[in-house]
């Protein structure tokens, strides 16, 4: 079985979800976008619709957006295939 995991990048914790994400923990739907960076040009990714625009209020504090869903599409499809393989 696949569990959610997290990784640390530059002091930030990024929570990942197995498979293709549909909704973020903040209940916003996921958007599919194309990277325009030099490091990953034209690479498709999933991103929470809410995170790029605003900071999220939690218990009266404004938090940074690093913990919203972000996942490369190719990695999401690989996860989905592995989950299906496990079920079969």
PDB file of N, CA and C in Angstrom:
ATOM      1  N   UNK A   1       0.848  -1.167   0.000  1.00  0.00           N
ATOM      2  CA  UNK A   1       0.000   0.000   0.000  1.00  0.00           C
ATOM      3  C   UNK A   1       0.896   1.233   0.000  1.00  0.00           C
ATOM      4  N   UNK A   2       0.446   2.297  -0.643  1.00  0.00           N
ATOM      5  CA  UNK A   2       1.215   3.518  -0.734  1.00  0.00           C
ATOM      6  C   UNK A   2       0.698   4.525   0.277  1.00  0.00           C
ATOM      7  N   UNK A   3       1.597   5.094   1.040  1.00  0.00           N
ATOM      8  CA  UNK A   3       1.233   6.089   2.030  1.00  0.00           C
ATOM      9  C   UNK A   3       1.682   7.459   1.562  1.00  0.00           C
ATOM     10  N   UNK A   4       1.056   8.504   2.114  1.00  0.00           N
ATOM     11  CA  UNK A   4       1.522   9.850   1.831  1.00  0.00           C
ATOM     12  C   UNK A   4       2.890  10.014   2.446  1.00  0.00           C
ATOM     13  N   UNK A   5       3.711  10.803   1.812  1.00  0.00           N
ATOM     14  CA  UNK A   5       5.044  11.038   2.342  1.00  0.00           C
ATOM     15  C   UNK A   5       5.341  12.517   2.265  1.00  0.00           C
ATOM     16  N   UNK A   6       6.445  12.913   2.866  1.00  0.00           N
ATOM     17  CA  UNK A   6       6.837  14.313   2.791  1.00  0.00           C
ATOM     18  C   UNK A   6       8.331  14.384   2.576  1.00  0.00           C
ATOM     19  N   UNK A   7       8.766  15.482   2.006  1.00  0.00           N
ATOM     20  CA  UNK A   7      10.186  15.695   1.799  1.00  0.00           C
ATOM     21  C   UNK A   7      10.520  17.125   2.180  1.00  0.00           C
ATOM     22  N   UNK A   8      11.775  17.353   2.504  1.00  0.00           N
ATOM     23  CA  UNK A   8      12.206  18.690   2.893  1.00  0.00           C
ATOM     24  C   UNK A   8      13.075  19.267   1.796  1.00  0.00           C
ATOM     25  N   UNK A   9      12.752  20.475   1.369  1.00  0.00           N
ATOM     26  CA  UNK A   9      13.523  21.159   0.344  1.00  0.00           C
ATOM     27  C   UNK A   9      13.800  22.571   0.824  1.00  0.00           C
ATOM     28  N   UNK A  10      15.046  22.882   1.085  1.00  0.00           N
ATOM     29  CA  UNK A  10      15.391  24.233   1.503  1.00  0.00           C
ATOM     30  C   UNK A  10      14.679  24.668   2.765  1.00  0.00           C
ATOM     31  N   UNK A  11      14.478  23.748   3.707  1.00  0.00           N
ATOM     32  CA  UNK A  11      13.815  24.100   4.952  1.00  0.00           C
ATOM     33  C   UNK A  11      12.299  24.024   4.879  1.00  0.00           C
ATOM     34  N   UNK A  12      11.761  23.748   3.702  1.00  0.00           N
ATOM     35  CA  UNK A  12      10.317  23.661   3.537  1.00  0.00           C
ATOM     36  C   UNK A  12       9.904  22.203   3.466  1.00  0.00           C
ATOM     37  N   UNK A  13       8.754  21.881   4.012  1.00  0.00           N
ATOM     38  CA  UNK A  13       8.239  20.517   3.949  1.00  0.00           C
ATOM     39  C   UNK A  13       7.173  20.477   2.865  1.00  0.00           C
ATOM     40  N   UNK A  14       7.323  19.561   1.925  1.00  0.00           N
ATOM     41  CA  UNK A  14       6.331  19.396   0.881  1.00  0.00           C
ATOM     42  C   UNK A  14       5.666  18.048   1.084  1.00  0.00           C
ATOM     43  N   UNK A  15       4.362  18.052   1.245  1.00  0.00           N
ATOM     44  CA  UNK A  15       3.602  16.824   1.442  1.00  0.00           C
ATOM     45  C   UNK A  15       3.178  16.320   0.073  1.00  0.00           C
ATOM     46  N   UNK A  16       3.416  15.049  -0.201  1.00  0.00           N
ATOM     47  CA  UNK A  16       3.016  14.483  -1.478  1.00  0.00           C
ATOM     48  C   UNK A  16       1.880  13.504  -1.274  1.00  0.00           C
ATOM     49  N   UNK A  17       1.081  13.355  -2.304  1.00  0.00           N
ATOM     50  CA  UNK A  17      -0.028  12.417  -2.253  1.00  0.00           C
ATOM     51  C   UNK A  17       0.213  11.332  -3.286  1.00  0.00           C
ATOM     52  N   UNK A  18      -0.187  10.107  -2.997  1.00  0.00           N
ATOM     53  CA  UNK A  18      -0.010   9.040  -3.964  1.00  0.00           C
ATOM     54  C   UNK A  18      -0.983   9.194  -5.132  1.00  0.00           C
ATOM     55  N   UNK A  19      -0.547   8.836  -6.318  1.00  0.00           N
ATOM     56  CA  UNK A  19      -1.427   8.870  -7.483  1.00  0.00           C
ATOM     57  C   UNK A  19      -1.680  10.270  -8.002  1.00  0.00           C
ATOM     58  N   UNK A  20      -2.759  10.399  -8.750  1.00  0.00           N
ATOM     59  CA  UNK A  20      -3.123  11.681  -9.352  1.00  0.00           C
ATOM     60  C   UNK A  20      -3.955  12.469  -8.345  1.00  0.00           C
ATOM     61  N   UNK A  21      -3.482  13.658  -7.952  1.00  0.00           N
ATOM     62  CA  UNK A  21      -4.230  14.441  -6.963  1.00  0.00           C
ATOM     63  C   UNK A  21      -5.490  15.059  -7.573  1.00  0.00           C
ATOM     64  N   UNK A  22      -6.545  15.114  -6.769  1.00  0.00           N
ATOM     65  CA  UNK A  22      -7.807  15.718  -7.204  1.00  0.00           C
ATOM     66  C   UNK A  22      -8.086  16.983  -6.407  1.00  0.00           C
ATOM     67  N   UNK A  23      -7.881  16.894  -5.099  1.00  0.00           N
ATOM     68  CA  UNK A  23      -8.087  18.049  -4.218  1.00  0.00           C
ATOM     69  C   UNK A  23      -6.910  18.193  -3.277  1.00  0.00           C
ATOM     70  N   UNK A  24      -6.636  19.432  -2.901  1.00  0.00           N
ATOM     71  CA  UNK A  24      -5.591  19.743  -1.934  1.00  0.00           C
ATOM     72  C   UNK A  24      -6.166  19.585  -0.526  1.00  0.00           C
ATOM     73  N   UNK A  25      -5.290  19.587   0.469  1.00  0.00           N
ATOM     74  CA  UNK A  25      -5.742  19.510   1.862  1.00  0.00           C
ATOM     75  C   UNK A  25      -6.623  20.702   2.218  1.00  0.00           C
ATOM     76  N   UNK A  26      -6.482  21.825   1.494  1.00  0.00           N
ATOM     77  CA  UNK A  26      -7.284  23.029   1.766  1.00  0.00           C
ATOM     78  C   UNK A  26      -8.641  22.954   1.075  1.00  0.00           C
ATOM     79  N   UNK A  27      -8.959  21.836   0.441  1.00  0.00           N
ATOM     80  CA  UNK A  27     -10.219  21.526  -0.221  1.00  0.00           C
ATOM     81  C   UNK A  27     -10.347  22.197  -1.600  1.00  0.00           C
ATOM     82  N   UNK A  28      -9.326  22.892  -2.060  1.00  0.00           N
ATOM     83  CA  UNK A  28      -9.348  23.468  -3.404  1.00  0.00           C
ATOM     84  C   UNK A  28      -9.060  22.380  -4.422  1.00  0.00           C
ATOM     85  N   UNK A  29      -9.620  22.532  -5.601  1.00  0.00           N
ATOM     86  CA  UNK A  29      -9.349  21.589  -6.682  1.00  0.00           C
ATOM     87  C   UNK A  29      -7.945  21.799  -7.228  1.00  0.00           C
ATOM     88  N   UNK A  30      -7.457  20.817  -7.935  1.00  0.00           N
ATOM     89  CA  UNK A  30      -6.111  20.838  -8.494  1.00  0.00           C
ATOM     90  C   UNK A  30      -6.171  21.321  -9.939  1.00  0.00           C
ATOM     91  N   UNK A  31      -5.162  22.086 -10.312  1.00  0.00           N
ATOM     92  CA  UNK A  31      -5.052  22.628 -11.657  1.00  0.00           C
ATOM     93  C   UNK A  31      -3.847  21.989 -12.342  1.00  0.00           C
ATOM     94  N   UNK A  32      -3.953  21.710 -13.627  1.00  0.00           N
ATOM     95  CA  UNK A  32      -2.832  21.158 -14.394  1.00  0.00           C
ATOM     96  C   UNK A  32      -2.174  22.298 -15.160  1.00  0.00           C
ATOM     97  N   UNK A  33      -0.876  22.461 -14.970  1.00  0.00           N
ATOM     98  CA  UNK A  33      -0.144  23.579 -15.569  1.00  0.00           C
ATOM     99  C   UNK A  33       1.114  23.080 -16.277  1.00  0.00           C
ATOM    100  N   UNK A  34       1.761  23.977 -17.009  1.00  0.00           N
ATOM    101  CA  UNK A  34       3.012  23.658 -17.702  1.00  0.00           C
ATOM    102  C   UNK A  34       4.123  24.521 -17.124  1.00  0.00           C
ATOM    103  N   UNK A  35       5.238  23.891 -16.778  1.00  0.00           N
ATOM    104  CA  UNK A  35       6.386  24.598 -16.230  1.00  0.00           C
ATOM    105  C   UNK A  35       7.048  25.445 -17.310  1.00  0.00           C
ATOM    106  N   UNK A  36       7.444  26.658 -16.908  1.00  0.00           N
ATOM    107  CA  UNK A  36       8.147  27.548 -17.827  1.00  0.00           C
ATOM    108  C   UNK A  36       9.545  27.875 -17.316  1.00  0.00           C
ATOM    109  N   UNK A  37      10.043  27.030 -16.426  1.00  0.00           N
ATOM    110  CA  UNK A  37      11.375  27.261 -15.869  1.00  0.00           C
ATOM    111  C   UNK A  37      12.449  26.668 -16.779  1.00  0.00           C
ATOM    112  N   UNK A  38      13.662  27.150 -16.640  1.00  0.00           N
ATOM    113  CA  UNK A  38      14.778  26.604 -17.416  1.00  0.00           C
ATOM    114  C   UNK A  38      15.121  25.182 -16.981  1.00  0.00           C
ATOM    115  N   UNK A  39      14.897  24.880 -15.700  1.00  0.00           N
ATOM    116  CA  UNK A  39      15.219  23.561 -15.170  1.00  0.00           C
ATOM    117  C   UNK A  39      14.262  22.475 -15.672  1.00  0.00           C
ATOM    118  N   UNK A  40      12.975  22.807 -15.810  1.00  0.00           N
ATOM    119  CA  UNK A  40      11.951  21.848 -16.260  1.00  0.00           C
ATOM    120  C   UNK A  40      11.053  22.477 -17.331  1.00  0.00           C
ATOM    121  N   UNK A  41      11.606  22.853 -18.477  1.00  0.00           N
ATOM    122  CA  UNK A  41      10.783  23.532 -19.487  1.00  0.00           C
ATOM    123  C   UNK A  41       9.699  22.617 -20.061  1.00  0.00           C
ATOM    124  N   UNK A  42       8.495  23.144 -20.151  1.00  0.00           N
ATOM    125  CA  UNK A  42       7.343  22.459 -20.751  1.00  0.00           C
ATOM    126  C   UNK A  42       6.958  21.161 -20.054  1.00  0.00           C
ATOM    127  N   UNK A  43       7.342  20.991 -18.805  1.00  0.00           N
ATOM    128  CA  UNK A  43       6.965  19.795 -18.043  1.00  0.00           C
ATOM    129  C   UNK A  43       5.634  20.071 -17.344  1.00  0.00           C
ATOM    130  N   UNK A  44       4.680  19.163 -17.498  1.00  0.00           N
ATOM    131  CA  UNK A  44       3.359  19.318 -16.906  1.00  0.00           C
ATOM    132  C   UNK A  44       3.399  19.006 -15.413  1.00  0.00           C
ATOM    133  N   UNK A  45       2.597  19.733 -14.636  1.00  0.00           N
ATOM    134  CA  UNK A  45       2.487  19.488 -13.203  1.00  0.00           C
ATOM    135  C   UNK A  45       1.097  19.816 -12.692  1.00  0.00           C
ATOM    136  N   UNK A  46       0.768  19.241 -11.526  1.00  0.00           N
ATOM    137  CA  UNK A  46      -0.480  19.526 -10.830  1.00  0.00           C
ATOM    138  C   UNK A  46      -0.179  20.512  -9.715  1.00  0.00           C
ATOM    139  N   UNK A  47      -1.072  21.472  -9.490  1.00  0.00           N
ATOM    140  CA  UNK A  47      -0.879  22.474  -8.443  1.00  0.00           C
ATOM    141  C   UNK A  47      -2.232  22.865  -7.876  1.00  0.00           C
ATOM    142  N   UNK A  48      -2.274  23.091  -6.578  1.00  0.00           N
ATOM    143  CA  UNK A  48      -3.475  23.593  -5.924  1.00  0.00           C
ATOM    144  C   UNK A  48      -3.811  24.964  -6.523  1.00  0.00           C
ATOM    145  N   UNK A  49      -5.079  25.206  -6.845  1.00  0.00           N
ATOM    146  CA  UNK A  49      -5.478  26.493  -7.430  1.00  0.00           C
ATOM    147  C   UNK A  49      -5.317  27.658  -6.453  1.00  0.00           C
ATOM    148  N   UNK A  50      -5.438  27.373  -5.198  1.00  0.00           N
ATOM    149  CA  UNK A  50      -5.438  28.410  -4.175  1.00  0.00           C
ATOM    150  C   UNK A  50      -4.039  28.914  -3.843  1.00  0.00           C
ATOM    151  N   UNK A  51      -3.076  28.026  -3.787  1.00  0.00           N
ATOM    152  CA  UNK A  51      -1.737  28.325  -3.267  1.00  0.00           C
ATOM    153  C   UNK A  51      -0.977  29.427  -3.994  1.00  0.00           C
ATOM    154  N   UNK A  52      -0.940  29.475  -5.319  1.00  0.00           N
ATOM    155  CA  UNK A  52      -0.111  30.502  -5.953  1.00  0.00           C
ATOM    156  C   UNK A  52      -0.597  31.933  -5.719  1.00  0.00           C
ATOM    157  N   UNK A  53      -1.874  32.101  -5.408  1.00  0.00           N
ATOM    158  CA  UNK A  53      -2.441  33.440  -5.322  1.00  0.00           C
ATOM    159  C   UNK A  53      -2.439  34.038  -3.922  1.00  0.00           C
ATOM    160  N   UNK A  54      -2.656  33.214  -2.916  1.00  0.00           N
ATOM    161  CA  UNK A  54      -2.896  33.739  -1.566  1.00  0.00           C
ATOM    162  C   UNK A  54      -2.144  32.958  -0.511  1.00  0.00           C
ATOM    163  N   UNK A  55      -2.047  33.566   0.645  1.00  0.00           N
ATOM    164  CA  UNK A  55      -1.578  32.834   1.815  1.00  0.00           C
ATOM    165  C   UNK A  55      -2.799  32.290   2.532  1.00  0.00           C
ATOM    166  N   UNK A  56      -2.638  31.190   3.203  1.00  0.00           N
ATOM    167  CA  UNK A  56      -3.768  30.492   3.814  1.00  0.00           C
ATOM    168  C   UNK A  56      -3.865  30.809   5.297  1.00  0.00           C
ATOM    169  N   UNK A  57      -5.003  31.343   5.771  1.00  0.00           N
ATOM    170  CA  UNK A  57      -5.145  31.586   7.207  1.00  0.00           C
ATOM    171  C   UNK A  57      -5.442  30.290   7.959  1.00  0.00           C
ATOM    172  N   UNK A  58      -4.632  29.998   8.952  1.00  0.00           N
ATOM    173  CA  UNK A  58      -4.864  28.831   9.801  1.00  0.00           C
ATOM    174  C   UNK A  58      -4.788  29.294  11.250  1.00  0.00           C
ATOM    175  N   UNK A  59      -5.883  29.136  11.970  1.00  0.00           N
ATOM    176  CA  UNK A  59      -5.970  29.507  13.382  1.00  0.00           C
ATOM    177  C   UNK A  59      -5.473  30.931  13.629  1.00  0.00           C
ATOM    178  N   UNK A  60      -5.890  31.872  12.762  1.00  0.00           N
ATOM    179  CA  UNK A  60      -5.559  33.277  12.973  1.00  0.00           C
ATOM    180  C   UNK A  60      -4.204  33.711  12.470  1.00  0.00           C
ATOM    181  N   UNK A  61      -3.401  32.795  11.922  1.00  0.00           N
ATOM    182  CA  UNK A  61      -2.079  33.143  11.414  1.00  0.00           C
ATOM    183  C   UNK A  61      -2.060  32.975   9.904  1.00  0.00           C
ATOM    184  N   UNK A  62      -1.243  33.754   9.228  1.00  0.00           N
ATOM    185  CA  UNK A  62      -1.051  33.555   7.803  1.00  0.00           C
ATOM    186  C   UNK A  62       0.150  32.650   7.613  1.00  0.00           C
ATOM    187  N   UNK A  63      -0.047  31.580   6.889  1.00  0.00           N
ATOM    188  CA  UNK A  63       1.047  30.645   6.652  1.00  0.00           C
ATOM    189  C   UNK A  63       1.512  30.760   5.205  1.00  0.00           C
ATOM    190  N   UNK A  64       2.692  30.238   4.937  1.00  0.00           N
ATOM    191  CA  UNK A  64       3.199  30.226   3.566  1.00  0.00           C
ATOM    192  C   UNK A  64       2.518  29.122   2.781  1.00  0.00           C
ATOM    193  N   UNK A  65       2.666  29.146   1.486  1.00  0.00           N
ATOM    194  CA  UNK A  65       1.946  28.238   0.596  1.00  0.00           C
ATOM    195  C   UNK A  65       2.687  26.957   0.247  1.00  0.00           C
ATOM    196  N   UNK A  66       3.825  26.683   0.857  1.00  0.00           N
ATOM    197  CA  UNK A  66       4.630  25.552   0.437  1.00  0.00           C
ATOM    198  C   UNK A  66       3.958  24.196   0.622  1.00  0.00           C
ATOM    199  N   UNK A  67       3.017  24.074   1.512  1.00  0.00           N
ATOM    200  CA  UNK A  67       2.452  22.762   1.822  1.00  0.00           C
ATOM    201  C   UNK A  67       1.236  22.394   0.983  1.00  0.00           C
ATOM    202  N   UNK A  68       0.899  23.210   0.000  1.00  0.00           N
ATOM    203  CA  UNK A  68      -0.204  22.857  -0.888  1.00  0.00           C
ATOM    204  C   UNK A  68       0.288  21.863  -1.924  1.00  0.00           C
ATOM    205  N   UNK A  69      -0.649  21.164  -2.535  1.00  0.00           N
ATOM    206  CA  UNK A  69      -0.303  20.104  -3.476  1.00  0.00           C
ATOM    207  C   UNK A  69       0.492  20.642  -4.669  1.00  0.00           C
ATOM    208  N   UNK A  70       1.593  19.973  -4.948  1.00  0.00           N
ATOM    209  CA  UNK A  70       2.384  20.166  -6.162  1.00  0.00           C
ATOM    210  C   UNK A  70       2.912  18.793  -6.541  1.00  0.00           C
ATOM    211  N   UNK A  71       2.674  18.385  -7.785  1.00  0.00           N
ATOM    212  CA  UNK A  71       3.161  17.079  -8.214  1.00  0.00           C
ATOM    213  C   UNK A  71       3.339  17.083  -9.729  1.00  0.00           C
ATOM    214  N   UNK A  72       4.468  16.532 -10.158  1.00  0.00           N
ATOM    215  CA  UNK A  72       4.706  16.393 -11.590  1.00  0.00           C
ATOM    216  C   UNK A  72       3.736  15.362 -12.148  1.00  0.00           C
ATOM    217  N   UNK A  73       3.189  15.626 -13.331  1.00  0.00           N
ATOM    218  CA  UNK A  73       2.206  14.734 -13.946  1.00  0.00           C
ATOM    219  C   UNK A  73       2.796  13.354 -14.221  1.00  0.00           C
ATOM    220  N   UNK A  74       4.035  13.291 -14.727  1.00  0.00           N
ATOM    221  CA  UNK A  74       4.625  11.987 -15.022  1.00  0.00           C
ATOM    222  C   UNK A  74       4.802  11.150 -13.755  1.00  0.00           C
ATOM    223  N   UNK A  75       5.144  11.779 -12.636  1.00  0.00           N
ATOM    224  CA  UNK A  75       5.272  11.060 -11.371  1.00  0.00           C
ATOM    225  C   UNK A  75       3.906  10.584 -10.869  1.00  0.00           C
ATOM    226  N   UNK A  76       2.878  11.407 -11.079  1.00  0.00           N
ATOM    227  CA  UNK A  76       1.523  11.035 -10.662  1.00  0.00           C
ATOM    228  C   UNK A  76       1.041   9.808 -11.430  1.00  0.00           C
ATOM    229  N   UNK A  77       1.297   9.780 -12.740  1.00  0.00           N
ATOM    230  CA  UNK A  77       0.891   8.623 -13.542  1.00  0.00           C
ATOM    231  C   UNK A  77       1.659   7.370 -13.149  1.00  0.00           C
ATOM    232  N   UNK A  78       2.930   7.510 -12.859  1.00  0.00           N
ATOM    233  CA  UNK A  78       3.723   6.366 -12.397  1.00  0.00           C
ATOM    234  C   UNK A  78       3.154   5.813 -11.094  1.00  0.00           C
ATOM    235  N   UNK A  79       2.797   6.713 -10.160  1.00  0.00           N
ATOM    236  CA  UNK A  79       2.172   6.277  -8.901  1.00  0.00           C
ATOM    237  C   UNK A  79       0.867   5.527  -9.158  1.00  0.00           C
ATOM    238  N   UNK A  80       0.036   6.057 -10.071  1.00  0.00           N
ATOM    239  CA  UNK A  80      -1.243   5.416 -10.384  1.00  0.00           C
ATOM    240  C   UNK A  80      -1.028   4.004 -10.928  1.00  0.00           C
ATOM    241  N   UNK A  81      -0.077   3.854 -11.835  1.00  0.00           N
ATOM    242  CA  UNK A  81       0.209   2.544 -12.425  1.00  0.00           C
ATOM    243  C   UNK A  81       0.693   1.572 -11.354  1.00  0.00           C
ATOM    244  N   UNK A  82       1.558   2.037 -10.445  1.00  0.00           N
ATOM    245  CA  UNK A  82       2.036   1.176  -9.368  1.00  0.00           C
ATOM    246  C   UNK A  82       0.890   0.760  -8.449  1.00  0.00           C
ATOM    247  N   UNK A  83      -0.027   1.677  -8.167  1.00  0.00           N
ATOM    248  CA  UNK A  83      -1.170   1.329  -7.317  1.00  0.00           C
ATOM    249  C   UNK A  83      -2.056   0.289  -7.987  1.00  0.00           C
ATOM    250  N   UNK A  84      -2.295   0.462  -9.288  1.00  0.00           N
ATOM    251  CA  UNK A  84      -3.109  -0.521 -10.018  1.00  0.00           C
ATOM    252  C   UNK A  84      -2.424  -1.876 -10.070  1.00  0.00           C
ATOM    253  N   UNK A  85      -1.116  -1.855 -10.274  1.00  0.00           N
ATOM    254  CA  UNK A  85      -0.352  -3.098 -10.295  1.00  0.00           C
ATOM    255  C   UNK A  85      -0.453  -3.817  -8.960  1.00  0.00           C
ATOM    256  N   UNK A  86      -0.373  -3.055  -7.880  1.00  0.00           N
ATOM    257  CA  UNK A  86      -0.478  -3.632  -6.535  1.00  0.00           C
ATOM    258  C   UNK A  86      -1.866  -4.258  -6.323  1.00  0.00           C
ATOM    259  N   UNK A  87      -2.912  -3.587  -6.810  1.00  0.00           N
ATOM    260  CA  UNK A  87      -4.275  -4.095  -6.651  1.00  0.00           C
ATOM    261  C   UNK A  87      -4.512  -5.374  -7.434  1.00  0.00           C
ATOM    262  N   UNK A  88      -3.894  -5.472  -8.601  1.00  0.00           N
ATOM    263  CA  UNK A  88      -4.059  -6.652  -9.444  1.00  0.00           C
ATOM    264  C   UNK A  88      -3.305  -7.800  -8.835  1.00  0.00           C
TER     265      UNK A  88
END
